Amino acid sequence: MKNKNLSWVGALLVFALLLWCTAATPGRIDDPATYTCTVYSTIFSLLPPVIAIVLALNTKEVYTSLLVGIASGALLYSNGNLELALNTLFFHEEGGMITKLSDPGNVGILVFLVMLGILVALMNKAGGSAAFGRWASTHIHTRAGAQFATLLLGVMIFVDDYFNCLTVGSVMRPVTDRQNVSRAKLAYLIDATAAPVCIIAPVSSWAAAVTSSVPEGSGINGFTMFLRTIPYNYYALLTMVMSLFLIFTDTEYGPMKLNEDNAKKGDLFTTEDRPYGNDMDDSTDTRGHVVDLIAPVLVLIVACILGMIYTGGFFEGVDFVTAFADCNASAGLVMGSSVALLFTFVFYQVRQVMTFQDFAACIPEGFKAMVSPMLILSLAWTLSGMTGLLGAKYYVANLLGGSAAALQYLLPVIIFLVAVFLAFATGTSWGTFSILIPIVCHAFPEGEMLVVSIAACLSGAVCGDHCSPISDTTIMASAGAHCSHVNHVSTQLPYAMTVAACSAVCYVITGLAQAVLGENGNLVTSLVFLGVAILVELAVLTIIRAKTMKKTAE
């Protein structure tokens, strides 16, 4: 309690300091087209996300921390003018809260969340989740088996990270609960198979985003470049390797160890705040069957894929790859989830496992279940908007551009670290690689170093996104696992940083090796580098496991 109070006192002092520092230059917008704040594209532009993240990790209060960060950003942008700050916070046409909530893409994601919440409520009410849990209990008899099944399902649902998080969570939660796997570990496995899988899947919304980030006129085929970066995407691939190592060696360390030790004794949550503490499935209703869960999920997957390629023009003659590259993921997911919801209603009526009154009752229940992640997402989008108004990404990009020429063969690790920091501070990996990829293409117009550097950018963006408490994917993983969001972030961070450290070392090795190889790199050499990266990580994890076992024995 004392630490929380100190954190809030510190936040208030910082806020007061901002007021005092900016009061000398009260903001006015004489010409909106030329107005810029005094801290634009300076180190102070990173202050709002830093305030929000530090407060969230220390006070465990996500909503208030995000609001303080947003208010700090609005105050900095307005140069201390409180009236302008208030207008900026809510109504700015590029970063205000109302602007973010009226953006069609963002609204589409919120609608998609509601649809999924209703679907999960329907599957639970019909007994599909309970039936799948009973079926799994006869086929999955170990904690390792439950975790591996979660990992496998996450890899299979590679189309979109939002879709991945909530679907895997709703399907596997009853299974992991029966095997006493903590909600924190479930959230980690969901998060580890969301963005890290999507960023190496050629057919995904992330591949489309990367392809579109390659500047036009550069002479580089975006999709071909994406395929070539996959073996060099160390963070994503090593996250998969680490997950398998943790599962099959039963190794845990850091805060996750406490959560897993408690789960083995029956406490799946560990935290004092249990926002989903009453969601344990203890239903005795035997009307439901496994098909009542599997069929809606399969229809959801197929319908979402068809919806995404439909928005990309596939049914108008555009080829599949181009349709995915040009798709509107938000609109496609809304259409797919709508079709799945309609199918589920008809399917359950035909099977007579649910009445119309039960179906109607699940609609508000599903909405209420998604209020928390929707609120966090809305605040995170607004904080990202404030950071954008302050020019944070350009400040970081200028730092990177200034070091590129002098440290050519260390550029991959520099890009990786910069991308990690930028994605962590802003909570968006798409925004990170959209600003860094053009810089990388300018530094290396062609050759294998271009491939390695773009891969480092993608890898770092996913890493920062994976670690950040204001990342939408991290928020969705918490929602999918029904886990305390701050607990998910704090338990996942040591694992993510372990993989990040290994990845950074391997980008140093790869960059220096390319200095020797020149432009002779190819698929074989990239696979060799990947093999070295896996060996490095396995060695690190083996050392950590040995130290953890020794400490436990003592």
Protein backbone atom coordinates (compact mmCIF):
# COMPACT_ATOMS: atom_id res chain seq x y z
CA MET A 1 0.00 0.00 0.00
CA LYS A 2 2.86 2.32 0.83
CA ASN A 3 4.47 1.73 -2.59
CA LYS A 4 1.17 2.53 -4.31
CA ASN A 5 0.84 5.80 -2.42
CA LEU A 6 4.42 6.76 -3.24
CA SER A 7 3.77 6.01 -6.92
CA TRP A 8 0.72 8.28 -6.99
CA VAL A 9 2.60 11.02 -5.14
CA GLY A 10 5.36 10.77 -7.75
CA ALA A 11 2.80 10.93 -10.56
CA LEU A 12 1.22 14.05 -9.09
CA LEU A 13 4.65 15.67 -8.73
CA VAL A 14 5.47 14.93 -12.36
CA PHE A 15 2.09 16.30 -13.40
CA ALA A 16 2.67 19.49 -11.38
CA LEU A 17 6.14 19.82 -12.90
CA LEU A 18 4.64 19.58 -16.39
CA LEU A 19 2.20 22.34 -15.52
CA TRP A 20 4.97 24.55 -14.17
CA CYS A 21 7.37 23.91 -17.07
CA THR A 22 4.83 24.55 -19.80
CA ALA A 23 2.99 27.47 -18.20
CA ALA A 24 5.62 29.87 -19.56
CA THR A 25 4.48 29.13 -23.12
CA PRO A 26 0.67 28.80 -22.97
CA GLY A 27 -0.63 27.05 -26.04
CA ARG A 28 -2.64 28.76 -28.72
CA ILE A 29 -3.66 27.50 -32.12
CA ASP A 30 -3.64 30.51 -34.42
CA ASP A 31 -3.10 28.29 -37.43
CA PRO A 32 -3.92 24.57 -36.90
CA ALA A 33 -1.89 23.65 -39.97
CA THR A 34 1.37 24.97 -38.49
CA TYR A 35 0.86 24.43 -34.75
CA THR A 36 3.41 22.21 -32.99
CA CYS A 37 4.09 21.74 -29.31
CA THR A 38 7.42 22.75 -27.77
CA VAL A 39 8.40 19.16 -26.92
CA TYR A 40 7.55 17.75 -30.38
CA SER A 41 9.98 15.00 -31.42
CA THR A 42 12.09 15.40 -28.27
CA ILE A 43 12.85 12.97 -25.47
CA PHE A 44 9.90 14.44 -23.54
CA SER A 45 7.54 13.05 -26.18
CA LEU A 46 8.11 9.63 -24.60
CA LEU A 47 7.03 10.80 -21.17
CA PRO A 48 3.27 9.96 -21.35
CA PRO A 49 3.69 6.21 -22.06
CA VAL A 50 6.54 6.01 -19.55
CA ILE A 51 4.30 7.56 -16.86
CA ALA A 52 1.43 5.20 -17.70
CA ILE A 53 3.60 2.07 -17.76
CA VAL A 54 5.48 2.84 -14.54
CA LEU A 55 2.26 3.68 -12.71
CA ALA A 56 0.47 0.56 -14.00
CA LEU A 57 3.30 -1.76 -12.95
CA ASN A 58 3.62 -0.17 -9.50
CA THR A 59 0.01 0.53 -8.55
CA LYS A 60 -1.64 -2.39 -10.42
CA GLU A 61 -4.37 0.08 -11.46
CA VAL A 62 -4.42 0.06 -15.25
CA TYR A 63 -7.32 2.42 -16.02
CA THR A 64 -6.19 5.32 -13.83
CA SER A 65 -2.57 4.93 -14.93
CA LEU A 66 -3.55 5.14 -18.59
CA LEU A 67 -5.69 8.20 -17.91
CA VAL A 68 -2.79 9.95 -16.17
CA GLY A 69 -0.53 9.15 -19.13
CA ILE A 70 -3.13 10.47 -21.59
CA ALA A 71 -3.63 13.66 -19.57
CA SER A 72 0.14 14.20 -19.44
CA GLY A 73 0.35 13.86 -23.21
CA ALA A 74 -2.49 16.32 -23.78
CA LEU A 75 -0.88 18.79 -21.39
CA LEU A 76 2.48 18.55 -23.14
CA TYR A 77 0.88 18.97 -26.55
CA SER A 78 -1.01 22.08 -25.45
CA ASN A 79 2.05 23.73 -23.89
CA GLY A 80 0.27 24.05 -20.55
CA ASN A 81 -2.99 25.55 -21.79
CA LEU A 82 -5.62 23.60 -19.84
CA GLU A 83 -8.47 24.48 -22.21
CA LEU A 84 -6.47 23.32 -25.20
CA ALA A 85 -5.35 20.21 -23.29
CA LEU A 86 -8.96 19.24 -22.61
CA ASN A 87 -9.93 19.76 -26.24
CA THR A 88 -6.88 17.80 -27.39
CA LEU A 89 -7.64 14.90 -25.05
CA PHE A 90 -11.17 14.42 -26.36
CA PHE A 91 -11.56 16.11 -29.74
CA HIS A 92 -8.20 16.33 -31.54
CA GLU A 93 -8.77 15.04 -35.06
CA GLU A 94 -5.67 12.82 -35.02
CA GLY A 95 -5.19 11.67 -31.43
CA GLY A 96 -8.24 12.56 -29.32
CA MET A 97 -10.26 9.93 -27.50
CA ILE A 98 -13.45 10.57 -29.47
CA THR A 99 -11.51 10.46 -32.73
CA LYS A 100 -10.01 7.10 -31.77
CA LEU A 101 -13.40 5.72 -30.77
CA SER A 102 -14.98 6.93 -34.01
CA ASP A 103 -12.30 5.38 -36.20
CA PRO A 104 -13.98 2.59 -38.25
CA GLY A 105 -11.09 0.20 -37.73
CA ASN A 106 -11.09 0.65 -33.96
CA VAL A 107 -14.88 0.42 -33.71
CA GLY A 108 -14.72 -2.75 -35.80
CA ILE A 109 -12.34 -4.30 -33.27
CA LEU A 110 -14.67 -3.37 -30.41
CA VAL A 111 -17.64 -4.89 -32.26
CA PHE A 112 -15.56 -8.01 -32.92
CA LEU A 113 -14.80 -8.27 -29.21
CA VAL A 114 -18.50 -8.06 -28.36
CA MET A 115 -19.31 -10.74 -30.95
CA LEU A 116 -16.68 -13.05 -29.51
CA GLY A 117 -17.87 -12.37 -25.98
CA ILE A 118 -21.40 -13.37 -27.00
CA LEU A 119 -20.11 -16.49 -28.77
CA VAL A 120 -18.16 -17.56 -25.67
CA ALA A 121 -21.23 -16.97 -23.49
CA LEU A 122 -23.33 -19.05 -25.89
CA MET A 123 -20.83 -21.93 -25.93
CA ASN A 124 -20.72 -21.93 -22.15
CA LYS A 125 -24.52 -21.76 -21.83
CA ALA A 126 -25.05 -24.57 -24.32
CA GLY A 127 -22.56 -26.76 -22.46
CA GLY A 128 -20.06 -26.89 -25.32
CA SER A 129 -17.15 -25.64 -23.22
CA ALA A 130 -18.00 -28.06 -20.40
CA ALA A 131 -18.30 -30.93 -22.88
CA PHE A 132 -14.93 -30.08 -24.42
CA GLY A 133 -13.45 -30.00 -20.92
CA ARG A 134 -14.86 -33.45 -20.20
CA TRP A 135 -13.56 -34.74 -23.53
CA ALA A 136 -10.15 -33.21 -22.94
CA SER A 137 -9.95 -34.73 -19.46
CA THR A 138 -10.08 -38.18 -21.06
CA HIS A 139 -7.40 -37.32 -23.64
CA ILE A 140 -5.22 -34.72 -21.88
CA HIS A 141 -4.01 -36.06 -18.56
CA THR A 142 -1.07 -33.81 -17.74
CA ARG A 143 -0.29 -30.15 -17.25
CA ALA A 144 2.27 -30.36 -20.06
CA GLY A 145 -0.36 -31.84 -22.38
CA ALA A 146 -2.82 -29.03 -21.64
CA GLN A 147 -0.16 -26.38 -22.23
CA PHE A 148 1.05 -28.01 -25.44
CA ALA A 149 -2.53 -28.24 -26.76
CA THR A 150 -2.90 -24.50 -26.05
CA LEU A 151 0.34 -23.77 -27.90
CA LEU A 152 -0.68 -25.95 -30.84
CA LEU A 153 -4.09 -24.33 -31.17
CA GLY A 154 -2.46 -20.89 -31.02
CA VAL A 155 -0.12 -21.82 -33.88
CA MET A 156 -3.05 -23.13 -35.94
CA ILE A 157 -4.99 -19.86 -35.58
CA PHE A 158 -2.45 -17.66 -37.32
CA VAL A 159 -4.74 -15.37 -39.28
CA ASP A 160 -5.02 -12.51 -36.78
CA ASP A 161 -3.70 -11.86 -33.27
CA TYR A 162 -7.00 -10.53 -31.81
CA PHE A 163 -8.86 -13.52 -33.15
CA ASN A 164 -6.10 -15.81 -31.88
CA CYS A 165 -6.10 -14.47 -28.32
CA LEU A 166 -9.81 -14.66 -27.63
CA THR A 167 -10.50 -17.92 -29.47
CA VAL A 168 -7.62 -19.84 -27.89
CA GLY A 169 -8.53 -18.49 -24.47
CA SER A 170 -12.20 -19.44 -24.66
CA VAL A 171 -11.48 -22.94 -26.00
CA MET A 172 -8.54 -23.89 -23.76
CA ARG A 173 -9.49 -22.23 -20.47
CA PRO A 174 -11.59 -25.20 -19.23
CA VAL A 175 -8.81 -27.62 -20.21
CA THR A 176 -5.99 -25.77 -18.46
CA ASP A 177 -8.19 -25.16 -15.40
CA ARG A 178 -8.75 -28.90 -15.01
CA GLN A 179 -4.99 -29.51 -15.15
CA ASN A 180 -4.23 -26.73 -12.63
CA VAL A 181 -2.39 -24.47 -15.06
CA SER A 182 -2.36 -20.91 -13.74
CA ARG A 183 -4.24 -18.21 -15.60
CA ALA A 184 -0.97 -16.26 -15.85
CA LYS A 185 0.69 -19.18 -17.68
CA LEU A 186 -2.31 -19.55 -19.96
CA ALA A 187 -2.13 -15.84 -20.77
CA TYR A 188 1.58 -16.20 -21.56
CA LEU A 189 0.98 -19.12 -23.92
CA ILE A 190 -1.81 -17.21 -25.66
CA ASP A 191 0.37 -14.11 -26.03
CA ALA A 192 3.33 -16.21 -27.20
CA THR A 193 1.26 -17.66 -30.05
CA ALA A 194 -0.47 -14.42 -31.10
CA ALA A 195 1.83 -11.74 -32.53
CA PRO A 196 4.92 -14.04 -32.68
CA VAL A 197 3.00 -16.51 -34.86
CA CYS A 198 1.21 -13.91 -36.99
CA ILE A 199 4.50 -12.14 -37.81
CA ILE A 200 5.94 -15.32 -39.39
CA ALA A 201 2.72 -16.47 -41.10
CA PRO A 202 2.59 -15.46 -44.79
CA VAL A 203 -1.22 -15.55 -44.74
CA SER A 204 -2.11 -13.17 -41.92
CA SER A 205 -3.16 -9.58 -41.31
CA TRP A 206 0.38 -8.91 -40.03
CA ALA A 207 1.98 -10.06 -43.28
CA ALA A 208 -0.32 -7.65 -45.09
CA ALA A 209 0.75 -4.80 -42.78
CA VAL A 210 4.45 -5.53 -43.30
CA THR A 211 4.02 -5.78 -47.08
CA SER A 212 2.28 -2.42 -47.20
CA SER A 213 5.07 -0.79 -45.12
CA VAL A 214 7.71 -1.31 -47.83
CA PRO A 215 7.91 2.07 -49.61
CA GLU A 216 6.63 2.29 -53.17
CA GLY A 217 9.27 2.88 -55.80
CA SER A 218 11.97 1.14 -53.76
CA GLY A 219 12.15 -1.76 -56.22
CA ILE A 220 11.49 -4.24 -53.39
CA ASN A 221 8.65 -6.77 -53.55
CA GLY A 222 7.07 -6.51 -50.12
CA PHE A 223 5.67 -10.05 -49.94
CA THR A 224 8.88 -11.68 -51.18
CA MET A 225 10.83 -9.64 -48.64
CA PHE A 226 8.48 -10.80 -45.88
CA LEU A 227 9.10 -14.45 -46.78
CA ARG A 228 12.87 -13.95 -46.73
CA THR A 229 12.76 -12.37 -43.27
CA ILE A 230 11.10 -15.37 -41.59
CA PRO A 231 14.31 -17.33 -40.73
CA TYR A 232 15.88 -14.13 -39.33
CA ASN A 233 12.88 -13.24 -37.18
CA TYR A 234 14.62 -14.48 -34.06
CA TYR A 235 12.30 -13.17 -31.38
CA ALA A 236 9.19 -14.80 -32.86
CA LEU A 237 10.87 -18.14 -33.52
CA LEU A 238 12.77 -18.25 -30.24
CA THR A 239 9.56 -17.48 -28.35
CA MET A 240 8.13 -20.71 -29.79
CA VAL A 241 11.26 -22.62 -28.78
CA MET A 242 11.14 -21.19 -25.27
CA SER A 243 7.47 -22.08 -24.85
CA LEU A 244 8.20 -25.69 -25.77
CA PHE A 245 11.18 -25.78 -23.40
CA LEU A 246 9.13 -24.43 -20.50
CA ILE A 247 6.29 -26.85 -21.15
CA PHE A 248 8.25 -30.09 -21.44
CA THR A 249 10.89 -29.39 -18.80
CA ASP A 250 8.38 -27.93 -16.30
CA THR A 251 10.70 -24.95 -15.82
CA GLU A 252 9.36 -21.71 -14.36
CA TYR A 253 11.16 -18.69 -12.94
CA GLY A 254 10.41 -15.16 -11.84
CA PRO A 255 6.86 -14.21 -10.76
CA MET A 256 5.44 -16.98 -12.99
CA LYS A 257 6.93 -19.63 -10.69
CA LEU A 258 4.84 -18.40 -7.76
CA ASN A 259 1.70 -18.44 -9.92
CA GLU A 260 2.39 -21.97 -11.15
CA ASP A 261 3.27 -23.26 -7.68
CA ASN A 262 0.00 -21.84 -6.37
CA ALA A 263 -1.92 -23.32 -9.32
CA LYS A 264 -0.63 -26.79 -8.48
CA LYS A 265 -2.23 -26.30 -5.06
CA GLY A 266 -5.53 -25.22 -6.61
CA ASP A 267 -5.18 -21.40 -6.75
CA LEU A 268 -5.24 -20.49 -10.44
CA PHE A 269 -5.13 -16.72 -9.92
CA THR A 270 -2.63 -15.86 -7.12
CA THR A 271 -3.54 -12.16 -7.30
CA GLU A 272 -5.80 -10.50 -4.73
CA ASP A 273 -7.93 -8.94 -7.44
CA ARG A 274 -9.80 -11.65 -9.32
CA PRO A 275 -11.82 -9.93 -12.02
CA TYR A 276 -12.71 -13.31 -13.51
CA GLY A 277 -12.70 -15.32 -10.28
CA ASN A 278 -16.23 -16.64 -10.78
CA ASP A 279 -15.78 -17.98 -14.31
CA MET A 280 -14.75 -21.47 -13.30
CA ASP A 281 -16.79 -23.93 -15.32
CA ASP A 282 -18.57 -26.20 -12.83
CA SER A 283 -21.58 -26.89 -15.01
CA THR A 284 -23.31 -30.24 -14.62
CA ASP A 285 -25.42 -29.71 -17.74
CA THR A 286 -24.85 -32.71 -20.00
CA ARG A 287 -26.95 -31.52 -22.95
CA GLY A 288 -23.91 -30.02 -24.61
CA HIS A 289 -21.52 -31.97 -26.80
CA VAL A 290 -18.02 -31.28 -28.07
CA VAL A 291 -19.50 -30.38 -31.45
CA ASP A 292 -21.29 -27.47 -29.76
CA LEU A 293 -17.89 -25.85 -29.28
CA ILE A 294 -15.96 -27.16 -32.26
CA ALA A 295 -18.55 -26.26 -34.92
CA PRO A 296 -18.91 -22.55 -33.96
CA VAL A 297 -15.12 -22.17 -33.66
CA LEU A 298 -14.50 -23.77 -37.08
CA VAL A 299 -17.18 -21.61 -38.69
CA LEU A 300 -15.66 -18.57 -36.99
CA ILE A 301 -12.20 -19.37 -38.41
CA VAL A 302 -13.44 -20.01 -41.96
CA ALA A 303 -15.84 -17.05 -41.94
CA CYS A 304 -13.16 -14.64 -40.67
CA ILE A 305 -10.70 -15.75 -43.36
CA LEU A 306 -13.38 -15.38 -46.06
CA GLY A 307 -14.39 -12.01 -44.63
CA MET A 308 -10.83 -10.72 -44.75
CA ILE A 309 -10.16 -11.80 -48.34
CA TYR A 310 -13.60 -10.48 -49.32
CA THR A 311 -12.60 -6.99 -48.15
CA GLY A 312 -9.41 -7.37 -50.19
CA GLY A 313 -11.36 -8.04 -53.41
CA PHE A 314 -10.78 -11.78 -53.75
CA PHE A 315 -14.28 -12.42 -55.04
CA GLU A 316 -13.84 -9.66 -57.60
CA GLY A 317 -10.92 -11.39 -59.30
CA VAL A 318 -7.98 -10.34 -57.09
CA ASP A 319 -5.55 -13.17 -56.33
CA PHE A 320 -5.49 -14.64 -52.79
CA VAL A 321 -2.15 -13.16 -51.69
CA THR A 322 -3.00 -9.67 -52.93
CA ALA A 323 -6.45 -9.89 -51.36
CA PHE A 324 -4.88 -10.66 -48.00
CA ALA A 325 -2.34 -7.88 -48.43
CA ASP A 326 -5.09 -5.34 -49.20
CA CYS A 327 -7.72 -6.61 -46.77
CA ASN A 328 -9.47 -4.61 -44.09
CA ALA A 329 -8.84 -6.93 -41.15
CA SER A 330 -11.26 -5.12 -38.84
CA ALA A 331 -14.18 -5.27 -41.28
CA GLY A 332 -13.37 -8.87 -42.22
CA LEU A 333 -13.36 -9.99 -38.59
CA VAL A 334 -16.69 -8.28 -37.91
CA MET A 335 -18.29 -9.97 -40.92
CA GLY A 336 -16.81 -13.35 -39.99
CA SER A 337 -17.91 -13.15 -36.36
CA SER A 338 -21.42 -12.06 -37.45
CA VAL A 339 -21.74 -15.11 -39.69
CA ALA A 340 -20.45 -17.35 -36.88
CA LEU A 341 -22.94 -15.84 -34.42
CA LEU A 342 -25.85 -16.40 -36.79
CA PHE A 343 -24.70 -19.97 -37.49
CA THR A 344 -24.37 -20.69 -33.76
CA PHE A 345 -27.91 -19.49 -33.08
CA VAL A 346 -29.40 -21.68 -35.83
CA PHE A 347 -27.17 -24.65 -34.94
CA TYR A 348 -28.13 -24.58 -31.27
CA GLN A 349 -31.82 -24.21 -32.14
CA VAL A 350 -31.66 -27.25 -34.42
CA ARG A 351 -29.84 -29.26 -31.74
CA GLN A 352 -32.28 -28.01 -29.11
CA VAL A 353 -29.56 -27.27 -26.57
CA MET A 354 -30.68 -23.68 -26.03
CA THR A 355 -33.93 -21.73 -26.02
CA PHE A 356 -34.37 -18.34 -27.64
CA GLN A 357 -34.60 -16.78 -24.17
CA ASP A 358 -31.22 -18.30 -23.27
CA PHE A 359 -29.74 -16.93 -26.49
CA ALA A 360 -31.09 -13.44 -25.74
CA ALA A 361 -29.70 -13.59 -22.19
CA CYS A 362 -26.19 -14.37 -23.51
CA ILE A 363 -26.04 -11.11 -25.49
CA PRO A 364 -25.67 -8.75 -22.51
CA GLU A 365 -23.57 -11.35 -20.68
CA GLY A 366 -21.09 -11.49 -23.57
CA PHE A 367 -20.99 -7.70 -23.76
CA LYS A 368 -20.34 -7.34 -20.03
CA ALA A 369 -17.50 -9.88 -20.20
CA MET A 370 -15.71 -7.64 -22.72
CA VAL A 371 -16.18 -4.28 -20.99
CA SER A 372 -12.78 -4.41 -19.26
CA PRO A 373 -10.66 -5.15 -22.37
CA MET A 374 -12.71 -2.67 -24.40
CA LEU A 375 -12.03 0.07 -21.85
CA ILE A 376 -8.31 -0.71 -21.70
CA LEU A 377 -8.10 -0.81 -25.50
CA SER A 378 -9.87 2.54 -25.82
CA LEU A 379 -7.49 4.16 -23.34
CA ALA A 380 -4.45 2.51 -24.96
CA TRP A 381 -5.48 3.80 -28.40
CA THR A 382 -5.86 7.31 -26.99
CA LEU A 383 -2.46 7.14 -25.28
CA SER A 384 -0.93 6.01 -28.56
CA GLY A 385 -2.64 8.96 -30.24
CA MET A 386 -1.18 11.39 -27.69
CA THR A 387 2.28 9.90 -28.24
CA GLY A 388 1.81 10.32 -31.97
CA LEU A 389 0.84 13.98 -31.56
CA LEU A 390 4.08 14.54 -29.65
CA GLY A 391 6.17 13.03 -32.50
CA ALA A 392 7.73 10.26 -30.39
CA LYS A 393 8.22 7.89 -33.32
CA TYR A 394 10.12 10.55 -35.29
CA TYR A 395 12.40 11.26 -32.34
CA VAL A 396 13.30 7.56 -32.11
CA ALA A 397 13.64 7.27 -35.89
CA ASN A 398 16.07 10.20 -36.00
CA LEU A 399 18.20 8.55 -33.33
CA LEU A 400 18.32 5.41 -35.43
CA GLY A 401 19.09 7.25 -38.67
CA GLY A 402 21.99 9.08 -37.08
CA SER A 403 23.72 5.85 -36.02
CA ALA A 404 23.18 3.84 -39.22
CA ALA A 405 26.20 4.93 -41.23
CA ALA A 406 28.78 4.58 -38.46
CA LEU A 407 27.65 1.15 -37.23
CA GLN A 408 26.65 -0.59 -40.42
CA TYR A 409 27.08 -4.21 -39.38
CA LEU A 410 25.73 -3.58 -35.89
CA LEU A 411 22.65 -2.03 -37.47
CA PRO A 412 20.48 -5.18 -37.05
CA VAL A 413 20.87 -5.19 -33.27
CA ILE A 414 20.48 -1.39 -33.12
CA ILE A 415 17.26 -1.62 -35.14
CA PHE A 416 16.06 -4.47 -32.93
CA LEU A 417 16.63 -2.51 -29.70
CA VAL A 418 15.11 0.70 -31.08
CA ALA A 419 12.04 -1.22 -32.31
CA VAL A 420 11.68 -2.90 -28.90
CA PHE A 421 11.77 0.45 -27.13
CA LEU A 422 9.43 2.20 -29.56
CA ALA A 423 6.85 -0.63 -29.57
CA PHE A 424 7.00 -0.89 -25.77
CA ALA A 425 6.45 2.84 -25.31
CA THR A 426 3.67 3.19 -27.88
CA GLY A 427 2.05 -0.24 -27.50
CA THR A 428 1.89 -0.82 -31.26
CA SER A 429 4.11 -3.01 -33.39
CA TRP A 430 2.40 -2.07 -36.65
CA GLY A 431 3.16 1.60 -36.08
CA THR A 432 6.74 0.71 -35.18
CA PHE A 433 7.65 -1.19 -38.30
CA SER A 434 5.69 1.20 -40.52
CA ILE A 435 8.05 4.03 -39.48
CA LEU A 436 11.29 1.99 -39.28
CA ILE A 437 11.06 -0.15 -42.43
CA PRO A 438 11.39 2.84 -44.83
CA ILE A 439 14.49 3.97 -42.88
CA VAL A 440 16.00 0.48 -43.17
CA CYS A 441 15.26 0.38 -46.92
CA HIS A 442 17.07 3.72 -47.27
CA ALA A 443 20.11 2.48 -45.30
CA PHE A 444 20.38 -0.79 -47.28
CA PRO A 445 18.76 -0.49 -50.71
CA GLU A 446 19.36 -4.20 -51.47
CA GLY A 447 21.20 -7.35 -50.40
CA GLU A 448 21.12 -9.75 -47.46
CA MET A 449 21.76 -7.04 -44.87
CA LEU A 450 18.49 -5.44 -45.96
CA VAL A 451 16.69 -8.72 -45.24
CA VAL A 452 18.38 -9.13 -41.84
CA SER A 453 17.69 -5.52 -40.85
CA ILE A 454 13.99 -5.66 -41.79
CA ALA A 455 13.71 -8.94 -39.87
CA ALA A 456 15.31 -7.25 -36.85
CA CYS A 457 12.76 -4.45 -37.14
CA LEU A 458 9.83 -6.90 -37.22
CA SER A 459 11.33 -8.95 -34.41
CA GLY A 460 11.89 -5.93 -32.17
CA ALA A 461 8.41 -4.58 -32.86
CA VAL A 462 6.84 -7.86 -31.78
CA CYS A 463 9.08 -8.02 -28.70
CA GLY A 464 8.13 -4.52 -27.56
CA ASP A 465 4.48 -5.26 -28.26
CA HIS A 466 4.79 -8.51 -26.29
CA CYS A 467 6.21 -6.72 -23.23
CA SER A 468 4.09 -3.56 -23.20
CA PRO A 469 1.14 -3.35 -20.80
CA ILE A 470 -0.59 -0.90 -23.17
CA SER A 471 -0.32 -3.21 -26.19
CA ASP A 472 -3.67 -4.31 -27.58
CA THR A 473 -2.40 -7.87 -28.11
CA THR A 474 -1.24 -8.10 -24.49
CA ILE A 475 -4.62 -6.77 -23.37
CA MET A 476 -6.40 -9.35 -25.52
CA ALA A 477 -4.26 -12.18 -24.10
CA SER A 478 -5.29 -11.17 -20.58
CA ALA A 479 -8.93 -11.05 -21.66
CA GLY A 480 -8.71 -14.40 -23.43
CA ALA A 481 -7.18 -16.10 -20.39
CA HIS A 482 -9.44 -14.25 -17.92
CA CYS A 483 -6.32 -13.18 -16.08
CA SER A 484 -5.49 -9.98 -14.20
CA HIS A 485 -3.87 -7.78 -16.85
CA VAL A 486 -1.07 -6.41 -14.67
CA ASN A 487 -0.32 -9.91 -13.36
CA HIS A 488 -0.03 -11.16 -16.94
CA VAL A 489 2.41 -8.38 -17.82
CA SER A 490 4.59 -8.86 -14.73
CA THR A 491 4.77 -12.66 -15.07
CA GLN A 492 5.44 -12.55 -18.81
CA LEU A 493 8.13 -9.87 -18.73
CA PRO A 494 11.07 -12.05 -17.49
CA TYR A 495 10.34 -14.65 -20.17
CA ALA A 496 10.06 -12.03 -22.92
CA MET A 497 13.26 -10.31 -21.82
CA THR A 498 15.14 -13.62 -21.83
CA VAL A 499 14.18 -14.21 -25.46
CA ALA A 500 14.93 -10.55 -26.28
CA ALA A 501 18.45 -10.84 -24.84
CA CYS A 502 19.14 -14.01 -26.84
CA SER A 503 17.76 -12.37 -29.98
CA ALA A 504 19.94 -9.28 -29.52
CA VAL A 505 23.08 -11.42 -29.19
CA CYS A 506 22.13 -13.37 -32.30
CA TYR A 507 21.58 -10.18 -34.32
CA VAL A 508 25.10 -9.09 -33.36
CA ILE A 509 26.43 -12.46 -34.54
CA THR A 510 24.41 -12.33 -37.76
CA GLY A 511 25.41 -8.74 -38.56
CA LEU A 512 29.12 -9.40 -38.05
CA ALA A 513 28.92 -12.65 -40.01
CA GLN A 514 27.35 -10.79 -42.93
CA ALA A 515 30.37 -8.51 -42.92
CA VAL A 516 32.47 -11.59 -43.73
CA LEU A 517 29.99 -13.20 -46.13
CA GLY A 518 29.22 -9.97 -47.98
CA GLU A 519 26.12 -10.44 -50.11
CA ASN A 520 26.53 -14.22 -50.37
CA GLY A 521 23.74 -14.95 -47.90
CA ASN A 522 20.93 -17.30 -48.92
CA LEU A 523 18.32 -19.60 -47.41
CA VAL A 524 20.95 -22.09 -46.24
CA THR A 525 22.98 -19.47 -44.38
CA SER A 526 19.82 -18.00 -42.83
CA LEU A 527 18.87 -21.45 -41.52
CA VAL A 528 22.38 -21.90 -40.13
CA PHE A 529 22.08 -18.59 -38.27
CA LEU A 530 18.67 -19.69 -36.98
CA GLY A 531 20.18 -22.95 -35.74
CA VAL A 532 22.86 -21.00 -33.88
CA ALA A 533 20.18 -18.77 -32.33
CA ILE A 534 18.23 -21.80 -31.10
CA LEU A 535 21.37 -23.31 -29.57
CA VAL A 536 22.17 -20.03 -27.82
CA GLU A 537 18.70 -19.85 -26.31
CA LEU A 538 18.66 -23.50 -25.25
CA ALA A 539 22.01 -23.00 -23.50
CA VAL A 540 20.67 -19.93 -21.65
CA LEU A 541 17.46 -21.71 -20.65
CA THR A 542 19.40 -24.77 -19.44
CA ILE A 543 21.52 -22.54 -17.20
CA ILE A 544 18.40 -20.79 -15.86
CA ARG A 545 16.75 -24.16 -15.20
CA ALA A 546 19.79 -25.45 -13.33
CA LYS A 547 19.94 -22.34 -11.13
CA THR A 548 16.19 -22.46 -10.48
CA MET A 549 16.34 -26.13 -9.46
CA LYS A 550 19.31 -25.45 -7.19
CA LYS A 551 17.51 -22.55 -5.53
CA THR A 552 14.36 -24.66 -5.05
CA ALA A 553 16.38 -27.50 -3.52
CA GLU A 554 17.91 -25.11 -1.00
